Amino acid sequence: MRLYSYFRSSASFRVRIALALKKLDYEYAAIQLVKNEQLQPAFRAIAASQLVPALVVDDPAHGEATLTQSLAIIEYLDETFPEPPLLPADALGRARVRAIALDIACEIHPLDNLRVLRYLQRELKVSDDDKDRWYRHWVETGLDVVERGLADHPSTGRFCHGDRPGLADCVLVPQIFNAQRMQCRLDHVPTVMRIFAACMAEPAFAQTQPSACPDAA
């Protein structure tokens, strides 16, 4: 497998965690978003969206294929390499885990994506301060929703769902990294931060964080 990734991309980080949890080997292919390498024809031929991550796999049934969208990639990995599972065995549990992941991946992340922030600045002429206020507002209010879904819920354990890291944790941790980098307020989400700390004590999370990536230097 070959993963096209950028060290600060939270979507790429999600997939790196999932690959590590599954103990799967892969080739790391860096795409420098700040240098617009994702817009070059060579990468567009790999991913029409011109977004990372993209995972090239050799599927037993279909041969070489390119997968995009981090949550679709993670679910493919979970179906293809079922141990350890990243989704619960029961339908209600799977729905809950997906909802937590989507609260981040669909409600927070798109508003703070690099291309959105660039549009705010370059096209709408938003100042640096106002851009940062935009970022912090959507992260802080979005994480409050996640906190309310986790706090005191009977299925919340050491991790987002039970006592084994799964899909929701793969999505939560990268968002907290971004929040910390942008100095977002996090004291209002104690359950989120407790789970984040538990995740970062696990090698699959610690060894795939941005500073550990080959392109972080």
Protein backbone atom coordinates (compact mmCIF):
# COMPACT_ATOMS: atom_id res chain seq x y z
CA MET A 1 0.00 0.00 0.00
CA ARG A 2 1.05 3.56 -0.65
CA LEU A 3 -0.36 6.45 1.39
CA TYR A 4 -0.27 9.95 -0.05
CA SER A 5 -0.18 12.13 3.03
CA TYR A 6 0.81 15.50 4.46
CA PHE A 7 2.10 15.55 8.02
CA ARG A 8 -0.28 18.29 9.21
CA SER A 9 -3.32 16.96 7.37
CA SER A 10 -5.76 15.77 10.02
CA ALA A 11 -7.55 13.58 7.45
CA SER A 12 -4.24 11.88 6.59
CA PHE A 13 -3.45 11.49 10.29
CA ARG A 14 -6.72 9.56 10.73
CA VAL A 15 -5.65 7.00 8.16
CA ARG A 16 -2.12 6.75 9.56
CA ILE A 17 -3.61 5.88 12.96
CA ALA A 18 -5.89 3.25 11.46
CA LEU A 19 -3.02 1.65 9.54
CA ALA A 20 -0.96 1.58 12.74
CA LEU A 21 -3.80 0.07 14.78
CA LYS A 22 -4.07 -2.66 12.14
CA LYS A 23 -0.27 -3.04 12.09
CA LEU A 24 -0.22 -2.68 8.30
CA ASP A 25 2.91 -1.74 6.38
CA TYR A 26 2.73 0.98 3.74
CA GLU A 27 4.87 3.35 1.72
CA TYR A 28 4.61 7.00 2.79
CA ALA A 29 4.35 9.44 -0.13
CA ALA A 30 4.49 13.07 1.00
CA ILE A 31 2.35 15.69 -0.74
CA GLN A 32 3.33 19.18 0.39
CA LEU A 33 0.05 21.08 0.59
CA VAL A 34 1.72 24.39 1.41
CA LYS A 35 3.68 24.06 -1.84
CA ASN A 36 0.49 23.19 -3.77
CA GLU A 37 1.82 19.78 -4.81
CA GLN A 38 -1.75 18.49 -4.58
CA LEU A 39 -2.65 20.71 -7.55
CA GLN A 40 -0.03 19.28 -9.88
CA PRO A 41 -1.10 17.00 -12.77
CA ALA A 42 0.85 14.05 -11.36
CA PHE A 43 -1.23 13.98 -8.18
CA ARG A 44 -4.47 14.87 -9.93
CA ALA A 45 -4.01 11.68 -11.95
CA ILE A 46 -4.00 9.79 -8.64
CA ALA A 47 -6.78 11.69 -6.83
CA ALA A 48 -9.29 13.69 -8.87
CA SER A 49 -10.25 15.62 -5.72
CA GLN A 50 -6.65 16.83 -5.35
CA LEU A 51 -6.94 16.14 -1.64
CA VAL A 52 -5.03 13.96 0.78
CA PRO A 53 -5.17 11.27 1.94
CA ALA A 54 -5.18 8.88 -0.98
CA LEU A 55 -4.38 5.23 -0.42
CA VAL A 56 -3.28 3.00 -3.28
CA VAL A 57 -4.08 -0.64 -2.54
CA ASP A 58 -3.74 -3.98 -4.30
CA ASP A 59 -7.23 -5.34 -3.76
CA PRO A 60 -7.57 -9.14 -4.10
CA ALA A 61 -10.75 -8.83 -6.17
CA HIS A 62 -10.02 -5.75 -8.29
CA GLY A 63 -6.26 -5.27 -8.48
CA GLU A 64 -4.68 -1.87 -7.90
CA ALA A 65 -7.14 0.78 -6.78
CA THR A 66 -6.93 4.26 -5.30
CA LEU A 67 -9.08 5.09 -2.30
CA THR A 68 -9.91 8.63 -1.17
CA GLN A 69 -11.81 10.21 1.72
CA SER A 70 -10.37 9.23 5.08
CA LEU A 71 -13.49 7.64 6.57
CA ALA A 72 -14.08 5.54 3.45
CA ILE A 73 -10.44 4.42 3.57
CA ILE A 74 -10.68 3.47 7.24
CA GLU A 75 -13.85 1.47 6.71
CA TYR A 76 -12.25 -0.32 3.76
CA LEU A 77 -9.30 -1.23 5.97
CA ASP A 78 -11.65 -2.45 8.68
CA GLU A 79 -13.56 -4.66 6.25
CA THR A 80 -10.43 -5.97 4.54
CA PHE A 81 -8.29 -6.42 7.66
CA PRO A 82 -10.86 -7.09 10.39
CA GLU A 83 -8.49 -7.43 13.37
CA PRO A 84 -8.48 -5.48 15.53
CA PRO A 85 -11.94 -4.10 14.66
CA LEU A 86 -12.37 -0.33 14.51
CA LEU A 87 -16.16 -0.47 14.59
CA PRO A 88 -18.39 -2.19 17.18
CA ALA A 89 -20.07 -5.51 16.41
CA ASP A 90 -23.61 -4.17 16.96
CA ALA A 91 -25.50 -1.87 14.61
CA LEU A 92 -26.37 0.66 17.33
CA GLY A 93 -22.74 0.88 18.41
CA ARG A 94 -21.57 1.35 14.83
CA ALA A 95 -24.09 4.13 14.35
CA ARG A 96 -22.87 5.90 17.49
CA VAL A 97 -19.20 5.64 16.51
CA ARG A 98 -19.91 6.90 13.00
CA ALA A 99 -21.91 9.82 14.42
CA ILE A 100 -19.02 10.88 16.66
CA ALA A 101 -16.62 10.65 13.72
CA LEU A 102 -18.96 12.62 11.45
CA ASP A 103 -19.50 15.32 14.07
CA ILE A 104 -15.81 16.05 13.57
CA ALA A 105 -15.20 15.10 9.94
CA CYS A 106 -18.33 16.78 8.55
CA GLU A 107 -19.20 19.54 11.02
CA ILE A 108 -15.79 20.84 12.16
CA HIS A 109 -13.09 19.86 9.70
CA PRO A 110 -14.58 21.25 6.43
CA LEU A 111 -14.86 24.74 7.93
CA ASP A 112 -11.19 24.75 8.98
CA ASN A 113 -9.67 23.03 5.98
CA LEU A 114 -6.57 24.71 4.51
CA ARG A 115 -8.30 25.53 1.21
CA VAL A 116 -11.21 27.14 3.07
CA LEU A 117 -8.87 29.27 5.18
CA ARG A 118 -6.95 30.28 2.06
CA TYR A 119 -10.19 31.34 0.37
CA LEU A 120 -11.15 33.44 3.38
CA GLN A 121 -7.82 35.24 3.23
CA ARG A 122 -7.04 35.44 -0.45
CA GLU A 123 -10.49 35.94 -1.96
CA LEU A 124 -12.54 37.48 0.84
CA LYS A 125 -9.60 39.45 2.27
CA VAL A 126 -10.23 38.28 5.82
CA SER A 127 -7.47 39.33 8.20
CA ASP A 128 -5.23 36.86 9.98
CA ASP A 129 -6.93 37.65 13.28
CA ASP A 130 -10.42 37.15 11.89
CA LYS A 131 -9.37 33.94 10.14
CA ASP A 132 -8.07 32.60 13.46
CA ARG A 133 -11.30 33.66 15.19
CA TRP A 134 -13.26 31.74 12.53
CA TYR A 135 -11.10 28.67 13.10
CA ARG A 136 -11.39 28.74 16.86
CA HIS A 137 -15.14 29.34 16.84
CA TRP A 138 -15.95 26.28 14.75
CA VAL A 139 -13.48 24.02 16.55
CA GLU A 140 -14.55 25.07 20.03
CA THR A 141 -18.29 24.90 19.36
CA GLY A 142 -17.94 21.66 17.40
CA LEU A 143 -15.94 19.96 20.13
CA ASP A 144 -18.58 21.01 22.63
CA VAL A 145 -21.06 18.91 20.66
CA VAL A 146 -18.64 15.96 20.73
CA GLU A 147 -18.15 16.41 24.48
CA ARG A 148 -21.89 16.27 25.12
CA GLY A 149 -22.11 13.07 23.10
CA LEU A 150 -19.32 11.44 25.10
CA ALA A 151 -19.78 12.69 28.65
CA ASP A 152 -21.73 10.31 30.89
CA HIS A 153 -22.75 8.10 27.96
CA PRO A 154 -22.85 4.46 29.04
CA SER A 155 -20.86 3.33 25.98
CA THR A 156 -18.03 5.80 26.56
CA GLY A 157 -15.10 4.01 28.16
CA ARG A 158 -11.40 4.63 28.19
CA PHE A 159 -11.86 5.60 24.55
CA CYS A 160 -14.78 7.07 22.62
CA HIS A 161 -16.62 3.74 22.56
CA GLY A 162 -15.53 1.19 25.11
CA ASP A 163 -12.00 0.38 26.17
CA ARG A 164 -10.41 -0.21 22.79
CA PRO A 165 -9.50 2.55 20.31
CA GLY A 166 -11.61 2.66 17.18
CA LEU A 167 -12.83 4.76 14.28
CA ALA A 168 -14.04 7.67 16.41
CA ASP A 169 -10.69 7.94 18.17
CA CYS A 170 -8.88 7.95 14.82
CA VAL A 171 -10.88 11.07 13.94
CA LEU A 172 -10.86 12.76 17.36
CA VAL A 173 -7.10 12.82 17.97
CA PRO A 174 -6.07 14.71 14.80
CA GLN A 175 -8.72 17.35 15.48
CA ILE A 176 -7.27 17.96 18.95
CA PHE A 177 -3.78 18.30 17.46
CA ASN A 178 -5.09 21.01 15.17
CA ALA A 179 -6.97 22.68 18.00
CA GLN A 180 -3.85 22.81 20.14
CA ARG A 181 -1.75 24.16 17.27
CA MET A 182 -4.28 26.97 16.77
CA GLN A 183 -4.53 27.64 20.53
CA CYS A 184 -8.21 26.80 20.77
CA ARG A 185 -9.90 26.68 24.15
CA LEU A 186 -10.17 23.09 25.35
CA ASP A 187 -10.98 23.37 29.05
CA HIS A 188 -14.71 23.00 28.26
CA VAL A 189 -14.26 19.46 26.87
CA PRO A 190 -12.79 17.39 29.74
CA THR A 191 -14.06 14.02 28.46
CA VAL A 192 -12.63 14.71 25.02
CA MET A 193 -9.27 15.58 26.53
CA ARG A 194 -9.27 12.53 28.81
CA ILE A 195 -9.82 10.30 25.79
CA PHE A 196 -7.17 12.20 23.83
CA ALA A 197 -4.64 11.52 26.60
CA ALA A 198 -5.56 7.82 26.64
CA CYS A 199 -5.08 7.64 22.89
CA MET A 200 -1.71 9.36 22.95
CA ALA A 201 -0.48 6.75 25.44
CA GLU A 202 -0.97 4.16 22.68
CA PRO A 203 1.88 3.58 20.18
CA ALA A 204 -0.44 3.68 17.16
CA PHE A 205 -1.29 7.30 17.95
CA ALA A 206 2.06 8.50 19.29
CA GLN A 207 4.06 7.05 16.39
CA THR A 208 1.87 8.53 13.66
CA GLN A 209 1.52 12.07 15.01
CA PRO A 210 2.62 14.90 12.71
CA SER A 211 6.07 15.36 14.25
CA ALA A 212 6.84 11.68 13.60
CA CYS A 213 6.14 11.88 9.85
CA PRO A 214 8.97 11.81 7.28
CA ASP A 215 7.92 15.17 5.83
CA ALA A 216 7.78 16.95 9.20
CA ALA A 217 11.46 17.93 9.09
